[in-house]
Amino acid sequence: MQKKKRFDCFLILLMLIYTGFSLYAQNQLDEKFKEKASNNRYNMIYGVPSGYYGVQAEICYSSNEKVIQSSFDHGLKNEKYNIEVAFAMIDSKPDNSPRGKLIRKGWNPYKINYVVISNESDTILSKVRYLDTLQLEKVNANRGVIYNLRILNKYKGKYDRCKKITFYKDNVGRAEILFFYNKGNDTLVDEEINKTWGMLKFKS
């Protein structure tokens, strides 16, 4: 009986240590992204929304073969629902890497690229919607768009749907927020987007 109590105590202690390390790692991911977003290169403000915690994003994700997706800088996981969020920040300064040159070829990072949107958007699931004045004001952006991403390759091998939000700031750059989820959760994801609106925004 006493051995069992000791073993139970050991398991509880082990779980507490593991939870402590996990929370520390999640906080570190969030803090690192917050610091990166706020520097002069991106000029953004980030705050972790309620009910989410930091996770590793799949940095070089490609949803389909027609478009090169910007590299993800950070990821979030919803505590309650099977939803993950990924962030990408693109500044107006030139990136002279081969990937950077290819991504930027023939367009500005703070201008809407209609060719990319037509290749990326899944218009069967939803229409391409341009952000209204109130939405833009909340993220200090000049223009923006939201649509369902056309997914041929599941994100992290498990998410087959995605709502992508992109907003742009003149002479600064753009930010992309992607909500990954699965079929049946479309309404839920729309609610989560509304709840978390402004978690990443440009500085005034």
Protein backbone atom coordinates (compact mmCIF):
# COMPACT_ATOMS: atom_id res chain seq x y z
CA MET A 1 0.00 0.00 0.00
CA GLN A 2 2.81 2.39 0.95
CA LYS A 3 4.75 1.52 -2.22
CA LYS A 4 1.68 2.32 -4.32
CA LYS A 5 1.32 5.73 -2.61
CA ARG A 6 4.98 6.50 -3.28
CA PHE A 7 4.61 5.46 -6.92
CA ASP A 8 1.47 7.62 -7.29
CA CYS A 9 3.30 10.59 -5.76
CA PHE A 10 6.21 10.02 -8.14
CA LEU A 11 3.84 9.97 -11.15
CA ILE A 12 2.14 13.19 -10.01
CA LEU A 13 5.52 14.89 -9.52
CA LEU A 14 6.66 13.71 -12.94
CA MET A 15 3.49 15.08 -14.54
CA LEU A 16 3.94 18.44 -12.80
CA ILE A 17 7.54 18.70 -14.01
CA TYR A 18 6.53 17.77 -17.56
CA THR A 19 3.67 20.30 -17.52
CA GLY A 20 6.02 22.98 -16.19
CA PHE A 21 8.56 22.35 -18.95
CA SER A 22 5.80 22.30 -21.62
CA LEU A 23 4.36 25.62 -20.44
CA TYR A 24 7.85 27.15 -20.36
CA ALA A 25 8.56 25.96 -23.92
CA GLN A 26 5.20 27.30 -25.15
CA ASN A 27 5.81 30.67 -23.49
CA GLN A 28 9.29 30.85 -25.00
CA LEU A 29 7.88 30.30 -28.50
CA ASP A 30 5.31 33.05 -27.99
CA GLU A 31 7.86 35.46 -26.52
CA LYS A 32 10.34 34.83 -29.32
CA PHE A 33 7.70 35.56 -31.96
CA LYS A 34 6.50 38.65 -30.07
CA GLU A 35 10.06 40.00 -30.06
CA LYS A 36 10.56 39.23 -33.76
CA ALA A 37 7.27 40.87 -34.74
CA SER A 38 8.01 44.08 -32.84
CA ASN A 39 11.43 44.80 -34.36
CA ASN A 40 11.91 47.55 -36.95
CA ARG A 41 11.88 45.08 -39.83
CA TYR A 42 8.24 44.05 -39.35
CA ASN A 43 6.79 46.81 -37.12
CA MET A 44 4.08 44.58 -35.70
CA ILE A 45 2.47 43.91 -32.34
CA TYR A 46 1.62 40.35 -31.25
CA GLY A 47 -0.41 39.15 -28.30
CA VAL A 48 -1.28 35.54 -27.49
CA PRO A 49 -5.07 35.18 -27.69
CA SER A 50 -6.99 33.56 -24.85
CA GLY A 51 -7.35 29.79 -25.25
CA TYR A 52 -4.21 29.32 -27.38
CA TYR A 53 -0.60 28.35 -26.75
CA GLY A 54 2.58 28.42 -28.85
CA VAL A 55 3.61 25.42 -30.95
CA GLN A 56 6.19 24.76 -33.66
CA ALA A 57 4.91 25.66 -37.10
CA GLU A 58 5.71 23.70 -40.24
CA ILE A 59 8.11 26.31 -41.63
CA CYS A 60 8.22 25.30 -45.31
CA TYR A 61 4.62 24.27 -45.89
CA SER A 62 3.14 24.13 -49.41
CA SER A 63 -0.63 23.72 -49.80
CA ASN A 64 -0.48 23.13 -53.55
CA GLU A 65 2.02 23.07 -56.40
CA LYS A 66 0.98 26.38 -58.01
CA VAL A 67 2.00 28.75 -55.21
CA ILE A 68 5.03 29.14 -52.94
CA GLN A 69 3.71 29.74 -49.43
CA SER A 70 5.67 32.22 -47.32
CA SER A 71 7.71 30.60 -44.54
CA PHE A 72 5.89 30.40 -41.22
CA ASP A 73 7.37 32.31 -38.28
CA HIS A 74 5.21 30.90 -35.49
CA GLY A 75 2.34 28.56 -34.65
CA LEU A 76 -0.52 28.38 -32.16
CA LYS A 77 -2.77 25.55 -31.00
CA ASN A 78 -6.27 25.96 -29.65
CA GLU A 79 -6.62 24.46 -26.18
CA LYS A 80 -10.17 23.23 -26.75
CA TYR A 81 -10.62 22.65 -30.49
CA ASN A 82 -8.62 20.90 -33.19
CA ILE A 83 -7.43 24.16 -34.74
CA GLU A 84 -3.89 25.34 -35.42
CA VAL A 85 -2.79 28.79 -36.51
CA ALA A 86 0.34 29.71 -38.46
CA PHE A 87 1.84 33.17 -39.00
CA ALA A 88 4.05 34.58 -41.74
CA MET A 89 5.47 38.11 -41.81
CA ILE A 90 6.94 39.59 -44.98
CA ASP A 91 8.62 43.00 -44.94
CA SER A 92 9.22 45.32 -47.86
CA LYS A 93 13.01 44.99 -47.66
CA PRO A 94 14.44 42.79 -50.43
CA ASP A 95 15.25 39.18 -49.61
CA ASN A 96 18.03 38.19 -52.00
CA SER A 97 17.89 34.47 -51.36
CA PRO A 98 16.75 32.35 -54.38
CA ARG A 99 13.45 31.61 -52.58
CA GLY A 100 12.98 35.29 -51.69
CA LYS A 101 13.58 36.41 -55.28
CA LEU A 102 11.12 33.85 -56.61
CA ILE A 103 8.42 34.81 -54.10
CA ARG A 104 8.80 38.54 -54.86
CA LYS A 105 9.17 38.29 -58.62
CA GLY A 106 7.01 40.90 -60.35
CA TRP A 107 5.12 42.23 -57.31
CA ASN A 108 5.36 44.25 -54.10
CA PRO A 109 4.89 42.61 -50.69
CA TYR A 110 2.40 45.31 -49.64
CA LYS A 111 0.20 45.06 -52.73
CA ILE A 112 -2.52 42.42 -53.24
CA ASN A 113 -1.43 39.79 -55.77
CA TYR A 114 -4.60 38.67 -57.58
CA VAL A 115 -2.78 35.90 -59.47
CA VAL A 116 -1.70 34.29 -56.22
CA ILE A 117 -5.20 34.58 -54.79
CA SER A 118 -6.77 32.96 -57.86
CA ASN A 119 -4.30 30.05 -57.63
CA GLU A 120 -4.63 29.65 -53.87
CA SER A 121 -8.31 30.21 -53.16
CA ASP A 122 -10.86 27.41 -52.97
CA THR A 123 -13.96 29.20 -54.24
CA ILE A 124 -16.06 26.05 -53.86
CA LEU A 125 -15.78 26.40 -50.07
CA SER A 126 -16.07 30.19 -49.84
CA LYS A 127 -15.84 33.42 -51.81
CA VAL A 128 -12.75 35.61 -51.67
CA ARG A 129 -13.64 38.44 -49.27
CA TYR A 130 -11.83 41.76 -48.96
CA LEU A 131 -11.48 43.13 -45.44
CA ASP A 132 -13.76 46.01 -44.52
CA THR A 133 -12.68 49.34 -43.02
CA LEU A 134 -13.36 48.29 -39.42
CA GLN A 135 -11.34 45.08 -39.76
CA LEU A 136 -8.45 46.98 -41.35
CA GLU A 137 -8.48 49.65 -38.65
CA LYS A 138 -8.17 46.98 -35.93
CA VAL A 139 -4.96 45.67 -37.50
CA ASN A 140 -3.67 49.07 -38.71
CA ALA A 141 -3.54 47.85 -42.32
CA ASN A 142 -4.36 49.49 -45.67
CA ARG A 143 -5.95 46.51 -47.39
CA GLY A 144 -6.59 42.82 -46.79
CA VAL A 145 -8.27 39.64 -47.93
CA ILE A 146 -9.63 36.40 -46.49
CA TYR A 147 -10.42 33.13 -48.27
CA ASN A 148 -10.30 29.35 -48.01
CA LEU A 149 -6.96 28.00 -49.12
CA ARG A 150 -6.99 25.29 -51.78
CA ILE A 151 -5.30 22.38 -49.99
CA LEU A 152 -3.81 19.41 -51.78
CA ASN A 153 -1.22 18.70 -49.07
CA LYS A 154 -2.55 18.45 -45.52
CA TYR A 155 -0.90 20.74 -42.99
CA LYS A 156 1.17 18.60 -40.57
CA GLY A 157 -0.45 15.61 -42.29
CA LYS A 158 -3.78 16.15 -40.51
CA TYR A 159 -5.51 19.43 -41.42
CA ASP A 160 -7.38 19.47 -44.74
CA ARG A 161 -8.93 22.95 -44.56
CA CYS A 162 -7.58 26.43 -44.00
CA LYS A 163 -8.82 30.00 -43.85
CA LYS A 164 -6.09 32.41 -44.87
CA ILE A 165 -6.08 36.08 -43.86
CA THR A 166 -3.58 38.44 -45.46
CA PHE A 167 -3.32 42.13 -44.64
CA TYR A 168 -0.99 44.75 -46.06
CA LYS A 169 0.63 47.97 -44.86
CA ASP A 170 1.99 50.44 -47.41
CA ASN A 171 5.81 50.58 -47.49
CA VAL A 172 6.04 48.12 -44.58
CA GLY A 173 4.94 44.68 -45.81
CA ARG A 174 2.25 42.13 -45.13
CA ALA A 175 1.18 39.53 -42.60
CA GLU A 176 -0.49 36.17 -43.20
CA ILE A 177 -2.53 34.31 -40.59
CA LEU A 178 -3.67 30.81 -41.51
CA PHE A 179 -6.28 28.92 -39.48
CA PHE A 180 -5.92 25.18 -40.16
CA TYR A 181 -8.79 22.86 -39.32
CA ASN A 182 -10.84 19.94 -40.67
CA LYS A 183 -14.14 19.55 -42.49
CA GLY A 184 -17.16 20.29 -40.31
CA ASN A 185 -15.52 23.08 -38.32
CA ASP A 186 -16.03 25.97 -40.76
CA THR A 187 -18.46 27.91 -38.54
CA LEU A 188 -16.29 27.31 -35.47
CA VAL A 189 -13.21 28.65 -37.26
CA ASP A 190 -15.11 31.77 -38.35
CA GLU A 191 -15.99 32.35 -34.69
CA GLU A 192 -12.35 31.86 -33.63
CA ILE A 193 -11.16 34.31 -36.29
CA ASN A 194 -13.57 36.93 -34.91
CA LYS A 195 -12.48 36.23 -31.32
CA THR A 196 -8.77 36.52 -32.08
CA TRP A 197 -8.92 39.42 -34.55
CA GLY A 198 -6.05 41.83 -33.86
CA MET A 199 -3.75 39.32 -32.16
CA LEU A 200 -1.20 40.31 -34.82
CA LYS A 201 -1.33 43.86 -36.17
CA PHE A 202 0.86 46.61 -37.56
CA LYS A 203 2.04 49.37 -35.30
CA SER A 204 0.15 52.63 -35.82
